[in-house]
Amino acid sequence: MKDARLWIAIAGICLTAWLIAPFVLPPRPPTVAAEDVPVIHYVCRESGDVFELPLAGERLDHPETGRPTLVPAVYDARRKKWRPGPPLEVMHRLGLLQQQAAE
């Protein structure tokens, strides 16, 4: 008889934990689809090469050298070339991060 009460108590505790867990644990962040990630221009600080890549962070590895020399870029209309931009949070605040049109 004690065995049945033990298993009922364990089942009750598991059911209670299963019902309470969504309210106690933080929710999972929503998944981001590949098409929702903006594509921006990055410029190499050493060579000046420009790459159009998905937004992945402040510094990226150069595809050829493997060193972290790529930084977000802004277009300098006066000199007609891409140059290293300010940090991403500043670019976002100033409205410089705009989604590229998908081709």
C-alpha atoms as a PDB file:
ATOM      1  CA  MET A   1       0.000   0.000   0.000  1.00  0.00           C
ATOM      2  CA  LYS A   2       2.856   2.367   0.796  1.00  0.00           C
ATOM      3  CA  ASP A   3       4.351   1.809  -2.654  1.00  0.00           C
ATOM      4  CA  ALA A   4       1.195   3.034  -4.408  1.00  0.00           C
ATOM      5  CA  ARG A   5       1.078   6.186  -2.280  1.00  0.00           C
ATOM      6  CA  LEU A   6       4.754   6.871  -2.980  1.00  0.00           C
ATOM      7  CA  TRP A   7       4.276   6.621  -6.755  1.00  0.00           C
ATOM      8  CA  ILE A   8       1.138   8.784  -6.607  1.00  0.00           C
ATOM      9  CA  ALA A   9       3.056  11.404  -4.610  1.00  0.00           C
ATOM     10  CA  ILE A  10       5.954  11.361  -7.110  1.00  0.00           C
ATOM     11  CA  ALA A  11       3.516  11.652 -10.030  1.00  0.00           C
ATOM     12  CA  GLY A  12       1.782  14.566  -8.276  1.00  0.00           C
ATOM     13  CA  ILE A  13       5.075  16.373  -7.716  1.00  0.00           C
ATOM     14  CA  CYS A  14       6.090  15.853 -11.370  1.00  0.00           C
ATOM     15  CA  LEU A  15       2.710  17.109 -12.607  1.00  0.00           C
ATOM     16  CA  THR A  16       2.895  20.161 -10.358  1.00  0.00           C
ATOM     17  CA  ALA A  17       6.441  20.952 -11.537  1.00  0.00           C
ATOM     18  CA  TRP A  18       5.378  20.541 -15.179  1.00  0.00           C
ATOM     19  CA  LEU A  19       2.464  22.963 -14.668  1.00  0.00           C
ATOM     20  CA  ILE A  20       4.470  25.578 -12.712  1.00  0.00           C
ATOM     21  CA  ALA A  21       7.698  25.511 -14.782  1.00  0.00           C
ATOM     22  CA  PRO A  22       6.466  27.790 -17.635  1.00  0.00           C
ATOM     23  CA  PHE A  23       5.655  30.519 -15.118  1.00  0.00           C
ATOM     24  CA  VAL A  24       8.928  30.233 -13.176  1.00  0.00           C
ATOM     25  CA  LEU A  25      11.498  29.619 -15.919  1.00  0.00           C
ATOM     26  CA  PRO A  26      12.294  32.383 -18.433  1.00  0.00           C
ATOM     27  CA  PRO A  27      10.760  31.937 -21.897  1.00  0.00           C
ATOM     28  CA  ARG A  28      12.929  30.889 -24.816  1.00  0.00           C
ATOM     29  CA  PRO A  29      13.924  33.684 -27.164  1.00  0.00           C
ATOM     30  CA  PRO A  30      12.207  33.509 -30.538  1.00  0.00           C
ATOM     31  CA  THR A  31      14.220  31.944 -33.323  1.00  0.00           C
ATOM     32  CA  VAL A  32      15.532  34.295 -35.975  1.00  0.00           C
ATOM     33  CA  ALA A  33      15.030  33.330 -39.577  1.00  0.00           C
ATOM     34  CA  ALA A  34      17.991  33.795 -41.920  1.00  0.00           C
ATOM     35  CA  GLU A  35      16.073  36.357 -43.982  1.00  0.00           C
ATOM     36  CA  ASP A  36      15.460  38.503 -40.864  1.00  0.00           C
ATOM     37  CA  VAL A  37      19.188  39.122 -40.291  1.00  0.00           C
ATOM     38  CA  PRO A  38      20.171  42.373 -42.013  1.00  0.00           C
ATOM     39  CA  VAL A  39      23.000  42.371 -44.546  1.00  0.00           C
ATOM     40  CA  ILE A  40      25.439  45.250 -44.072  1.00  0.00           C
ATOM     41  CA  HIS A  41      28.764  46.345 -45.515  1.00  0.00           C
ATOM     42  CA  TYR A  42      31.974  45.510 -43.690  1.00  0.00           C
ATOM     43  CA  VAL A  43      35.354  47.008 -44.546  1.00  0.00           C
ATOM     44  CA  CYS A  44      38.756  45.525 -43.813  1.00  0.00           C
ATOM     45  CA  ARG A  45      40.838  47.860 -41.653  1.00  0.00           C
ATOM     46  CA  GLU A  46      44.077  46.658 -43.262  1.00  0.00           C
ATOM     47  CA  SER A  47      43.325  46.296 -46.973  1.00  0.00           C
ATOM     48  CA  GLY A  48      40.187  48.405 -47.409  1.00  0.00           C
ATOM     49  CA  ASP A  49      38.304  45.523 -49.088  1.00  0.00           C
ATOM     50  CA  VAL A  50      34.527  45.820 -48.797  1.00  0.00           C
ATOM     51  CA  PHE A  51      32.278  42.825 -48.067  1.00  0.00           C
ATOM     52  CA  GLU A  52      28.496  42.537 -47.904  1.00  0.00           C
ATOM     53  CA  LEU A  53      27.788  40.115 -45.044  1.00  0.00           C
ATOM     54  CA  PRO A  54      24.976  39.357 -42.597  1.00  0.00           C
ATOM     55  CA  LEU A  55      25.166  41.427 -39.441  1.00  0.00           C
ATOM     56  CA  ALA A  56      27.092  39.241 -37.007  1.00  0.00           C
ATOM     57  CA  GLY A  57      28.946  41.572 -34.686  1.00  0.00           C
ATOM     58  CA  GLU A  58      31.411  44.364 -34.171  1.00  0.00           C
ATOM     59  CA  ARG A  59      34.447  42.560 -35.654  1.00  0.00           C
ATOM     60  CA  LEU A  60      34.479  39.687 -38.116  1.00  0.00           C
ATOM     61  CA  ASP A  61      37.225  37.477 -39.476  1.00  0.00           C
ATOM     62  CA  HIS A  62      38.479  38.321 -42.955  1.00  0.00           C
ATOM     63  CA  PRO A  63      37.445  35.477 -45.312  1.00  0.00           C
ATOM     64  CA  GLU A  64      40.929  35.191 -46.813  1.00  0.00           C
ATOM     65  CA  THR A  65      43.305  35.966 -43.943  1.00  0.00           C
ATOM     66  CA  GLY A  66      41.200  34.710 -41.033  1.00  0.00           C
ATOM     67  CA  ARG A  67      42.155  37.678 -38.862  1.00  0.00           C
ATOM     68  CA  PRO A  68      39.431  39.795 -37.180  1.00  0.00           C
ATOM     69  CA  THR A  69      39.895  42.910 -39.320  1.00  0.00           C
ATOM     70  CA  LEU A  70      36.387  43.445 -40.709  1.00  0.00           C
ATOM     71  CA  VAL A  71      34.354  46.229 -39.094  1.00  0.00           C
ATOM     72  CA  PRO A  72      30.956  47.721 -40.017  1.00  0.00           C
ATOM     73  CA  ALA A  73      31.278  50.351 -42.724  1.00  0.00           C
ATOM     74  CA  VAL A  74      29.567  53.591 -43.698  1.00  0.00           C
ATOM     75  CA  TYR A  75      29.642  55.132 -47.161  1.00  0.00           C
ATOM     76  CA  ASP A  76      31.578  58.385 -47.498  1.00  0.00           C
ATOM     77  CA  ALA A  77      29.777  60.192 -50.331  1.00  0.00           C
ATOM     78  CA  ARG A  78      32.422  62.907 -50.588  1.00  0.00           C
ATOM     79  CA  ARG A  79      35.280  60.448 -51.171  1.00  0.00           C
ATOM     80  CA  LYS A  80      32.976  57.903 -52.865  1.00  0.00           C
ATOM     81  CA  LYS A  81      34.194  54.925 -50.849  1.00  0.00           C
ATOM     82  CA  TRP A  82      33.363  52.822 -47.820  1.00  0.00           C
ATOM     83  CA  ARG A  83      35.140  53.618 -44.564  1.00  0.00           C
ATOM     84  CA  PRO A  84      35.066  52.076 -41.060  1.00  0.00           C
ATOM     85  CA  GLY A  85      32.030  53.224 -39.126  1.00  0.00           C
ATOM     86  CA  PRO A  86      31.309  53.905 -35.472  1.00  0.00           C
ATOM     87  CA  PRO A  87      30.303  51.103 -33.066  1.00  0.00           C
ATOM     88  CA  LEU A  88      27.115  49.207 -33.946  1.00  0.00           C
ATOM     89  CA  GLU A  89      25.013  50.749 -31.168  1.00  0.00           C
ATOM     90  CA  VAL A  90      25.915  54.244 -32.422  1.00  0.00           C
ATOM     91  CA  MET A  91      25.137  53.248 -36.017  1.00  0.00           C
ATOM     92  CA  HIS A  92      21.780  51.857 -34.917  1.00  0.00           C
ATOM     93  CA  ARG A  93      20.939  55.007 -32.932  1.00  0.00           C
ATOM     94  CA  LEU A  94      21.850  57.258 -35.874  1.00  0.00           C
ATOM     95  CA  GLY A  95      19.843  55.133 -38.338  1.00  0.00           C
ATOM     96  CA  LEU A  96      22.890  54.045 -40.345  1.00  0.00           C
ATOM     97  CA  LEU A  97      21.985  50.341 -40.171  1.00  0.00           C
ATOM     98  CA  GLN A  98      19.539  49.820 -42.978  1.00  0.00           C
ATOM     99  CA  GLN A  99      18.501  46.517 -44.503  1.00  0.00           C
ATOM    100  CA  GLN A 100      19.923  45.895 -47.968  1.00  0.00           C
ATOM    101  CA  ALA A 101      17.420  45.037 -50.675  1.00  0.00           C
ATOM    102  CA  ALA A 102      17.432  41.306 -51.395  1.00  0.00           C
ATOM    103  CA  GLU A 103      18.313  40.513 -54.970  1.00  0.00           C
END
